[in-house]
Amino acid sequence: MTDEHKITVEVAGNKLQFNAKGPEMEQNMRRAADSINAALERYNALFPDQKLEMKLAAVALNSEMSKLQAQSRLYRGEQEAKALSLQLEDYLKKTNNR
C-alpha cells in the first residue's frame, strides 16, 4: 500500500497540485520547487527585463543540463566500479593460486 496524498507546491507564483507517493517523493517535490524558485529569483535579479517564459526556459535548461551531467558522472562511476571489481577478482584469483 502506498502513502499517496495530494500536495501543493508553489512554482513561479503558481500553486500546483500533485500526487505524492510517500514522504520521500513529497520531500523531493518540495525541494525541486524550492530549487526552481531560487533559480528563478537569481534570473529575476540578473535579467529583470526578460519575460518570465524566457527565465523559466533558462531554469529548465540548466536543470536538464545538471541532470545529464549527474547521469554522466554516475555512468562513469559505475564503469569504474566494474573495472575495480574485475581487478579485485583477478587479484584474488592470483593470490588463491599461490
N, C-alpha and C. Protein backbone atom coordinates (compact mmCIF):
# COMPACT_ATOMS: atom_id res chain seq x y z
N MET A 1 0.85 -1.18 0.00
CA MET A 1 0.00 0.00 0.00
C MET A 1 0.89 1.24 0.00
N THR A 2 0.61 2.17 -0.90
CA THR A 2 1.40 3.39 -0.96
C THR A 2 0.76 4.47 -0.12
N ASP A 3 1.59 5.37 0.32
CA ASP A 3 1.15 6.50 1.13
C ASP A 3 0.94 7.69 0.19
N GLU A 4 0.02 7.54 -0.77
CA GLU A 4 -0.20 8.59 -1.76
C GLU A 4 -1.15 9.64 -1.22
N HIS A 5 -0.73 10.90 -1.42
CA HIS A 5 -1.59 12.00 -0.99
C HIS A 5 -1.30 13.22 -1.85
N LYS A 6 -2.26 14.13 -1.87
CA LYS A 6 -2.10 15.35 -2.66
C LYS A 6 -1.26 16.37 -1.90
N ILE A 7 -0.38 17.03 -2.64
CA ILE A 7 0.37 18.12 -2.06
C ILE A 7 0.26 19.31 -3.00
N THR A 8 0.49 20.48 -2.45
CA THR A 8 0.50 21.70 -3.24
C THR A 8 1.87 22.34 -3.08
N VAL A 9 2.48 22.66 -4.21
CA VAL A 9 3.75 23.38 -4.21
C VAL A 9 3.56 24.64 -5.04
N GLU A 10 4.37 25.63 -4.74
CA GLU A 10 4.31 26.88 -5.50
C GLU A 10 5.58 27.01 -6.32
N VAL A 11 5.38 27.21 -7.63
CA VAL A 11 6.49 27.40 -8.56
C VAL A 11 6.19 28.63 -9.39
N ALA A 12 7.11 29.58 -9.36
CA ALA A 12 6.96 30.82 -10.14
C ALA A 12 5.63 31.51 -9.86
N GLY A 13 5.21 31.48 -8.61
CA GLY A 13 3.98 32.16 -8.22
C GLY A 13 2.72 31.37 -8.54
N ASN A 14 2.85 30.16 -9.05
CA ASN A 14 1.70 29.33 -9.38
C ASN A 14 1.61 28.17 -8.42
N LYS A 15 0.41 27.97 -7.86
CA LYS A 15 0.19 26.83 -6.96
C LYS A 15 -0.16 25.63 -7.83
N LEU A 16 0.61 24.55 -7.62
CA LEU A 16 0.43 23.33 -8.40
C LEU A 16 0.13 22.18 -7.47
N GLN A 17 -0.85 21.35 -7.84
CA GLN A 17 -1.18 20.18 -7.04
C GLN A 17 -0.65 18.92 -7.73
N PHE A 18 -0.08 18.04 -6.91
CA PHE A 18 0.45 16.77 -7.39
C PHE A 18 0.07 15.68 -6.41
N ASN A 19 0.12 14.45 -6.89
CA ASN A 19 0.00 13.29 -6.01
C ASN A 19 1.41 12.86 -5.64
N ALA A 20 1.68 12.81 -4.36
CA ALA A 20 2.98 12.35 -3.87
C ALA A 20 2.81 10.94 -3.35
N LYS A 21 3.66 10.05 -3.84
CA LYS A 21 3.61 8.65 -3.42
C LYS A 21 4.61 8.44 -2.30
N GLY A 22 4.27 8.91 -1.13
CA GLY A 22 5.12 8.73 0.02
C GLY A 22 5.86 9.99 0.42
N PRO A 23 6.43 9.98 1.62
CA PRO A 23 7.10 11.17 2.16
C PRO A 23 8.37 11.55 1.39
N GLU A 24 9.08 10.55 0.87
CA GLU A 24 10.30 10.88 0.12
C GLU A 24 9.97 11.64 -1.16
N MET A 25 8.93 11.18 -1.86
CA MET A 25 8.53 11.87 -3.08
C MET A 25 8.03 13.28 -2.76
N GLU A 26 7.28 13.42 -1.67
CA GLU A 26 6.81 14.76 -1.27
C GLU A 26 8.00 15.67 -0.98
N GLN A 27 8.95 15.17 -0.22
CA GLN A 27 10.13 15.98 0.11
C GLN A 27 10.89 16.38 -1.15
N ASN A 28 11.06 15.45 -2.08
CA ASN A 28 11.77 15.76 -3.32
C ASN A 28 11.01 16.78 -4.17
N MET A 29 9.69 16.67 -4.20
CA MET A 29 8.90 17.64 -4.97
C MET A 29 9.03 19.04 -4.36
N ARG A 30 8.98 19.10 -3.04
CA ARG A 30 9.11 20.40 -2.37
C ARG A 30 10.51 20.98 -2.57
N ARG A 31 11.52 20.13 -2.49
CA ARG A 31 12.90 20.60 -2.72
C ARG A 31 13.09 21.06 -4.16
N ALA A 32 12.48 20.35 -5.11
CA ALA A 32 12.57 20.74 -6.51
C ALA A 32 11.91 22.10 -6.73
N ALA A 33 10.73 22.29 -6.14
CA ALA A 33 10.04 23.57 -6.27
C ALA A 33 10.88 24.69 -5.67
N ASP A 34 11.47 24.44 -4.50
CA ASP A 34 12.33 25.46 -3.87
C ASP A 34 13.53 25.78 -4.76
N SER A 35 14.11 24.75 -5.37
CA SER A 35 15.27 24.95 -6.24
C SER A 35 14.91 25.77 -7.48
N ILE A 36 13.76 25.45 -8.07
CA ILE A 36 13.30 26.21 -9.25
C ILE A 36 13.05 27.66 -8.87
N ASN A 37 12.39 27.89 -7.74
CA ASN A 37 12.09 29.25 -7.31
C ASN A 37 13.37 30.03 -7.00
N ALA A 38 14.36 29.38 -6.40
CA ALA A 38 15.63 30.05 -6.11
C ALA A 38 16.35 30.42 -7.41
N ALA A 39 16.35 29.50 -8.37
CA ALA A 39 16.98 29.80 -9.66
C ALA A 39 16.25 30.93 -10.36
N LEU A 40 14.94 30.91 -10.29
CA LEU A 40 14.15 31.97 -10.92
C LEU A 40 14.44 33.32 -10.27
N GLU A 41 14.61 33.33 -8.95
CA GLU A 41 14.96 34.59 -8.27
C GLU A 41 16.31 35.12 -8.77
N ARG A 42 17.27 34.21 -8.97
CA ARG A 42 18.57 34.65 -9.50
C ARG A 42 18.42 35.25 -10.88
N TYR A 43 17.62 34.59 -11.74
CA TYR A 43 17.41 35.13 -13.09
C TYR A 43 16.63 36.44 -13.06
N ASN A 44 15.69 36.57 -12.13
CA ASN A 44 14.95 37.83 -12.00
C ASN A 44 15.90 38.97 -11.65
N ALA A 45 16.88 38.69 -10.79
CA ALA A 45 17.84 39.72 -10.40
C ALA A 45 18.79 40.06 -11.56
N LEU A 46 19.20 39.04 -12.31
CA LEU A 46 20.14 39.25 -13.41
C LEU A 46 19.49 39.84 -14.65
N PHE A 47 18.25 39.41 -14.92
CA PHE A 47 17.57 39.81 -16.16
C PHE A 47 16.16 40.32 -15.86
N PRO A 48 16.06 41.46 -15.18
CA PRO A 48 14.74 41.93 -14.76
C PRO A 48 13.81 42.27 -15.92
N ASP A 49 14.36 42.57 -17.10
CA ASP A 49 13.51 42.97 -18.23
C ASP A 49 13.07 41.80 -19.10
N GLN A 50 13.60 40.62 -18.84
CA GLN A 50 13.22 39.45 -19.64
C GLN A 50 11.85 38.93 -19.21
N LYS A 51 11.15 38.33 -20.15
CA LYS A 51 9.85 37.74 -19.85
C LYS A 51 10.04 36.50 -18.97
N LEU A 52 9.02 36.22 -18.18
CA LEU A 52 9.03 35.06 -17.30
C LEU A 52 9.29 33.78 -18.09
N GLU A 53 8.70 33.66 -19.27
CA GLU A 53 8.87 32.45 -20.08
C GLU A 53 10.34 32.20 -20.42
N MET A 54 11.07 33.27 -20.71
CA MET A 54 12.49 33.14 -21.04
C MET A 54 13.28 32.68 -19.82
N LYS A 55 12.95 33.25 -18.68
CA LYS A 55 13.65 32.87 -17.45
C LYS A 55 13.33 31.43 -17.06
N LEU A 56 12.08 31.02 -17.22
CA LEU A 56 11.72 29.64 -16.92
C LEU A 56 12.39 28.67 -17.89
N ALA A 57 12.53 29.10 -19.15
CA ALA A 57 13.23 28.25 -20.13
C ALA A 57 14.69 28.08 -19.72
N ALA A 58 15.31 29.14 -19.23
CA ALA A 58 16.70 29.05 -18.78
C ALA A 58 16.81 28.15 -17.55
N VAL A 59 15.86 28.25 -16.63
CA VAL A 59 15.85 27.38 -15.45
C VAL A 59 15.71 25.92 -15.89
N ALA A 60 14.81 25.65 -16.81
CA ALA A 60 14.61 24.28 -17.30
C ALA A 60 15.86 23.75 -17.98
N LEU A 61 16.49 24.58 -18.80
CA LEU A 61 17.71 24.16 -19.49
C LEU A 61 18.83 23.83 -18.50
N ASN A 62 19.02 24.70 -17.52
CA ASN A 62 20.06 24.45 -16.51
C ASN A 62 19.75 23.20 -15.70
N SER A 63 18.49 22.98 -15.39
CA SER A 63 18.10 21.79 -14.64
C SER A 63 18.38 20.53 -15.44
N GLU A 64 18.04 20.55 -16.70
CA GLU A 64 18.28 19.39 -17.56
C GLU A 64 19.77 19.14 -17.74
N MET A 65 20.54 20.20 -17.90
CA MET A 65 21.99 20.05 -18.03
C MET A 65 22.57 19.43 -16.76
N SER A 66 22.11 19.87 -15.61
CA SER A 66 22.59 19.31 -14.34
C SER A 66 22.24 17.82 -14.25
N LYS A 67 21.03 17.47 -14.67
CA LYS A 67 20.61 16.07 -14.63
C LYS A 67 21.49 15.23 -15.55
N LEU A 68 21.75 15.71 -16.75
CA LEU A 68 22.57 14.96 -17.70
C LEU A 68 24.01 14.82 -17.21
N GLN A 69 24.54 15.87 -16.60
CA GLN A 69 25.89 15.79 -16.04
C GLN A 69 25.94 14.77 -14.91
N ALA A 70 24.92 14.74 -14.06
CA ALA A 70 24.87 13.78 -12.97
C ALA A 70 24.77 12.36 -13.51
N GLN A 71 23.97 12.16 -14.55
CA GLN A 71 23.86 10.84 -15.16
C GLN A 71 25.19 10.39 -15.74
N SER A 72 25.90 11.32 -16.36
CA SER A 72 27.21 11.01 -16.93
C SER A 72 28.20 10.62 -15.84
N ARG A 73 28.22 11.38 -14.74
CA ARG A 73 29.11 11.05 -13.62
C ARG A 73 28.75 9.70 -13.03
N LEU A 74 27.47 9.42 -12.91
CA LEU A 74 27.02 8.13 -12.38
C LEU A 74 27.48 6.99 -13.29
N TYR A 75 27.32 7.17 -14.59
CA TYR A 75 27.74 6.14 -15.54
C TYR A 75 29.24 5.90 -15.43
N ARG A 76 30.02 6.97 -15.37
CA ARG A 76 31.48 6.82 -15.24
C ARG A 76 31.83 6.12 -13.93
N GLY A 77 31.13 6.46 -12.86
CA GLY A 77 31.36 5.81 -11.57
C GLY A 77 31.02 4.32 -11.63
N GLU A 78 29.93 3.98 -12.30
CA GLU A 78 29.56 2.58 -12.44
C GLU A 78 30.61 1.82 -13.25
N GLN A 79 31.10 2.43 -14.31
CA GLN A 79 32.13 1.79 -15.13
C GLN A 79 33.41 1.59 -14.33
N GLU A 80 33.77 2.58 -13.54
CA GLU A 80 34.97 2.48 -12.71
C GLU A 80 34.79 1.38 -11.65
N ALA A 81 33.61 1.29 -11.07
CA ALA A 81 33.33 0.26 -10.07
C ALA A 81 33.43 -1.14 -10.70
N LYS A 82 32.91 -1.29 -11.91
CA LYS A 82 33.00 -2.58 -12.61
C LYS A 82 34.46 -2.94 -12.87
N ALA A 83 35.24 -1.96 -13.33
CA ALA A 83 36.66 -2.21 -13.61
C ALA A 83 37.39 -2.60 -12.34
N LEU A 84 37.13 -1.90 -11.25
CA LEU A 84 37.78 -2.22 -9.98
C LEU A 84 37.36 -3.61 -9.47
N SER A 85 36.12 -3.95 -9.68
CA SER A 85 35.63 -5.27 -9.27
C SER A 85 36.36 -6.36 -10.03
N LEU A 86 36.53 -6.16 -11.33
CA LEU A 86 37.26 -7.13 -12.14
C LEU A 86 38.71 -7.23 -11.70
N GLN A 87 39.32 -6.11 -11.40
CA GLN A 87 40.71 -6.11 -10.92
C GLN A 87 40.81 -6.87 -9.59
N LEU A 88 39.85 -6.64 -8.73
CA LEU A 88 39.85 -7.33 -7.44
C LEU A 88 39.69 -8.84 -7.63
N GLU A 89 38.77 -9.23 -8.50
CA GLU A 89 38.58 -10.66 -8.78
C GLU A 89 39.88 -11.28 -9.29
N ASP A 90 40.54 -10.61 -10.23
CA ASP A 90 41.81 -11.11 -10.77
C ASP A 90 42.85 -11.23 -9.67
N TYR A 91 42.93 -10.23 -8.82
CA TYR A 91 43.90 -10.25 -7.73
C TYR A 91 43.62 -11.41 -6.79
N LEU A 92 42.35 -11.59 -6.43
CA LEU A 92 42.00 -12.67 -5.50
C LEU A 92 42.27 -14.04 -6.12
N LYS A 93 42.02 -14.20 -7.40
CA LYS A 93 42.32 -15.46 -8.08
C LYS A 93 43.82 -15.75 -8.03
N LYS A 94 44.63 -14.71 -8.28
CA LYS A 94 46.08 -14.88 -8.29
C LYS A 94 46.59 -15.23 -6.89
N THR A 95 46.04 -14.58 -5.87
CA THR A 95 46.51 -14.85 -4.51
C THR A 95 46.05 -16.22 -4.01
N ASN A 96 44.90 -16.69 -4.50
CA ASN A 96 44.40 -18.02 -4.10
C ASN A 96 45.17 -19.13 -4.80
N ASN A 97 45.77 -18.83 -5.94
CA ASN A 97 46.54 -19.84 -6.68
C ASN A 97 47.96 -19.97 -6.18
N ARG A 98 48.36 -19.19 -5.24
CA ARG A 98 49.74 -19.25 -4.73
C ARG A 98 49.92 -20.41 -3.79
